[in-house]
Protein backbone atom coordinates (compact mmCIF):
# COMPACT_ATOMS: atom_id res chain seq x y z
CA MET A 1 18.18 49.48 33.21
CA THR A 2 18.71 48.07 29.71
CA LYS A 3 18.80 44.81 28.92
CA GLN A 4 22.49 44.28 28.39
CA SER A 5 23.95 46.41 31.24
CA ASP A 6 21.73 44.04 33.63
CA LEU A 7 23.13 41.19 31.85
CA THR A 8 26.90 43.14 32.75
CA ARG A 9 25.79 43.82 36.04
CA SER A 10 25.42 39.98 36.93
CA ILE A 11 28.43 38.80 35.53
CA ASP A 12 30.27 41.08 37.17
CA VAL A 13 28.38 39.77 40.55
CA ALA A 14 28.74 36.41 39.48
CA TRP A 15 32.88 37.19 39.15
CA ARG A 16 33.29 39.04 42.53
CA ALA A 17 31.34 36.22 43.85
CA HIS A 18 33.98 33.62 41.84
CA ALA A 19 36.62 35.39 44.20
CA ALA A 20 34.70 35.21 47.37
CA GLN A 21 34.48 31.55 46.99
CA GLU A 22 38.29 31.40 46.04
CA ALA A 23 39.52 33.63 49.05
CA TRP A 24 37.23 31.08 51.15
CA THR A 25 38.39 28.19 49.67
CA ALA A 26 42.25 29.76 50.54
CA LYS A 27 41.53 30.47 54.15
CA VAL A 28 39.89 26.77 54.72
CA ASP A 29 42.44 25.49 52.97
CA GLY A 30 45.11 27.66 55.72
CA LYS A 31 43.04 27.06 58.43
CA ALA A 32 42.95 23.09 57.83
CA ALA A 33 46.48 23.09 57.53
CA ILE A 34 46.91 24.65 60.60
CA VAL A 35 44.54 22.05 62.64
CA LEU A 36 46.19 19.19 60.48
CA ALA A 37 49.55 20.02 61.57
CA LEU A 38 48.39 20.62 65.40
CA GLU A 39 46.38 17.27 65.78
CA VAL A 40 50.04 15.15 64.02
CA ALA A 41 51.88 17.38 66.65
CA LEU A 42 49.71 15.98 69.22
CA MET A 43 49.68 12.31 67.67
CA ALA A 44 53.32 12.83 68.36
CA ALA A 45 52.72 13.46 71.58
CA LEU A 46 50.92 10.68 72.27
CA ILE A 47 52.72 7.89 70.66
CA ASN A 48 55.80 9.65 72.69
CA GLY A 49 53.78 9.11 75.82
CA LEU A 50 53.01 5.65 75.33
CA ALA A 51 56.42 4.31 74.56
CA PRO A 52 57.88 1.93 77.21
CA ASP A 53 59.13 4.48 79.08
CA GLY A 54 56.38 7.41 78.26
CA ALA A 55 54.29 9.41 80.77
CA LEU A 56 51.37 7.71 79.22
CA VAL A 57 51.93 3.97 80.37
CA ALA A 58 51.29 3.62 84.63
CA LEU A 59 47.73 4.95 84.30
CA THR A 60 44.58 3.04 85.60
CA VAL A 61 42.25 1.72 83.85
CA VAL A 62 39.83 4.61 82.96
CA GLY A 63 43.21 6.78 82.32
CA ALA A 64 44.34 4.11 79.57
CA VAL A 65 41.00 3.98 78.49
CA ALA A 66 40.40 7.21 78.33
CA VAL A 67 44.04 7.92 76.44
CA HIS A 68 43.01 5.55 73.56
CA VAL A 69 39.73 6.89 73.13
CA GLY A 70 41.20 10.08 73.11
CA ALA A 71 44.01 9.61 71.17
CA ALA A 72 41.01 7.86 68.35
CA LEU A 73 39.59 11.10 68.39
CA VAL A 74 42.57 12.65 67.17
CA THR A 75 43.29 10.32 64.66
CA SER A 76 40.05 10.73 63.56
CA ALA A 77 40.71 14.48 63.73
CA ALA A 78 43.73 14.44 61.43
CA LEU A 79 42.39 12.23 58.87
CA LEU A 80 39.36 15.19 58.54
CA ALA A 81 41.36 17.63 58.62
CA ALA A 82 43.87 15.88 55.36
CA ILE A 83 40.67 15.44 53.65
CA ALA A 84 39.94 18.93 54.03
CA VAL A 85 42.95 20.41 52.36
CA LEU A 86 43.24 17.39 49.76
CA PRO A 87 42.57 19.47 46.50
CA MET A 88 38.82 18.64 45.34
CA LEU A 89 39.64 18.38 41.97
CA GLY A 90 36.50 16.49 40.18
CA SER A 91 36.81 13.56 37.91
CA SER A 92 39.14 13.96 35.20
CA ILE A 93 37.31 11.63 33.12
CA ALA A 94 34.30 14.43 33.91
CA HIS A 95 36.16 17.07 32.90
CA ALA A 96 37.75 15.44 29.65
CA ARG A 97 33.98 14.84 28.52
CA GLU A 98 32.93 18.15 29.56
CA TYR A 99 35.65 20.60 28.54
CA ARG A 100 34.23 22.46 25.65
CA SER A 101 30.99 23.58 27.93
CA ASN A 102 33.11 24.64 30.66
CA LEU A 103 35.69 27.68 30.24
CA ILE A 104 36.20 28.59 33.45
CA TYR A 105 37.76 25.71 35.94
CA PHE A 106 41.45 24.87 34.81
CA GLY A 107 40.52 20.98 35.05
CA HIS A 108 38.36 21.54 32.23
CA LEU A 109 40.52 24.05 30.54
CA ARG A 110 43.38 21.84 30.18
CA HIS A 111 41.91 19.65 27.87
CA TRP A 112 41.39 21.88 24.98
CA PRO A 113 44.24 21.05 21.99
CA ASP A 114 45.58 24.12 21.58
CA GLY A 115 44.94 27.88 22.24
CA SER A 116 43.72 29.03 19.40
CA ASP A 117 40.69 26.39 19.36
CA LEU A 118 40.02 27.99 22.89
CA ALA A 119 40.52 32.04 21.98
CA ASN A 120 38.02 30.74 19.46
CA ARG A 121 35.60 29.35 21.62
CA LEU A 122 35.94 32.38 23.82
CA ARG A 123 35.08 34.93 21.10
CA GLY A 124 32.07 33.41 20.40
CA LEU A 125 30.33 33.02 23.69
CA SER A 126 27.69 35.30 24.27
CA SER A 127 27.52 37.53 27.54
CA GLU A 128 24.49 34.87 28.72
CA ASP A 129 26.64 32.04 28.18
CA LEU A 130 29.39 33.23 30.23
CA LEU A 131 26.89 34.11 32.99
CA GLU A 132 25.48 30.61 32.50
CA GLN A 133 29.60 29.20 33.32
CA LEU A 134 30.16 31.44 35.91
CA ALA A 135 26.86 30.23 37.95
CA ARG A 136 28.29 26.56 36.71
CA GLN A 137 31.20 27.14 38.13
CA LEU A 138 29.98 29.10 41.39
CA ARG A 139 27.75 25.66 42.35
CA GLU A 140 30.53 23.20 42.31
CA MET A 141 33.10 25.80 44.64
CA SER A 142 30.25 26.63 46.59
CA ARG A 143 29.42 22.23 47.11
CA ARG A 144 33.56 22.03 47.44
CA ASN A 145 34.09 24.75 50.00
CA TRP A 146 31.17 23.42 52.11
CA ARG A 147 32.53 20.00 51.89
CA LYS A 148 35.88 21.48 53.14
CA HIS A 149 34.46 23.69 55.94
CA ARG A 150 31.94 20.80 57.41
CA LEU A 151 35.33 18.47 56.91
CA LEU A 152 37.22 21.26 59.01
CA GLN A 153 34.19 20.83 61.67
CA ALA A 154 34.37 17.95 62.16
CA SER A 155 37.97 18.07 62.81
CA ILE A 156 38.14 20.40 65.44
CA LEU A 157 34.98 19.11 66.86
CA ALA A 158 36.46 15.65 67.33
CA ALA A 159 40.18 16.86 68.19
CA LEU A 160 38.49 18.93 71.33
CA PRO A 161 37.28 16.19 73.51
CA GLY A 162 39.87 13.70 72.32
CA THR A 163 43.01 16.20 73.58
CA LEU A 164 40.93 17.22 76.89
CA LEU A 165 40.49 13.29 77.16
CA VAL A 166 44.30 12.97 76.50
CA ILE A 167 44.91 15.61 78.81
CA GLY A 168 42.39 14.89 81.80
CA ALA A 169 44.32 11.08 82.11
CA ALA A 170 47.92 12.34 82.19
CA LEU A 171 46.43 15.00 84.73
CA ALA A 172 44.86 12.47 86.92
CA PRO A 173 46.15 10.39 89.68
CA ARG A 174 47.57 6.99 89.14
C-alpha cells in the first residue's frame, strides 16, 4: 500500500470511529433521559408519600430513616442523570481562540466569520491535517462520552439502593 492509501484508510477509520462516538453519545443521552424521568417520577411519589396524609408518614423511626436516606439517594441519582444529559459543549472562550485549527466541532466552526474563509481553509487542508483534526476530535468526544457514561452509571447505582430503601420502608410493618 502507498502512504496515501494508508492515510486514506486511516481517515476512513477515523470517520467511522467518529460516527460510533456520535451513536454512543445519542445512546447514553437517551438512557440518561429515561433514567432521569423514572427518578423524577419516584421523587414525585416520595413527595406524595411524605405529605401529611401520605402513606410514608406513619413509619417507625427505622422506616423514616430508610425513607429519608432513600430519598437522598434518589435525589442524588436524579442530579447525576441530569448532569449526564446536559450537553457538554466545552469552553466558548477556548472555541473562539482555537477555531482556526479545529474544523470538525460545531463549537469551533461557529466562530468562522464567513463561509468563504472556511472553504479556503478546508481547501488547504492536507490529509495529514485532516487525520490530526479527527484524532483530536475523537479524543475529546471519547472524554465526554466516558464522563456521560460514568455519570449515568453512578445515577443508576445511587437510585437502586435508594429505591429499595423506600420500598422496604413502605412495606415494613408499622
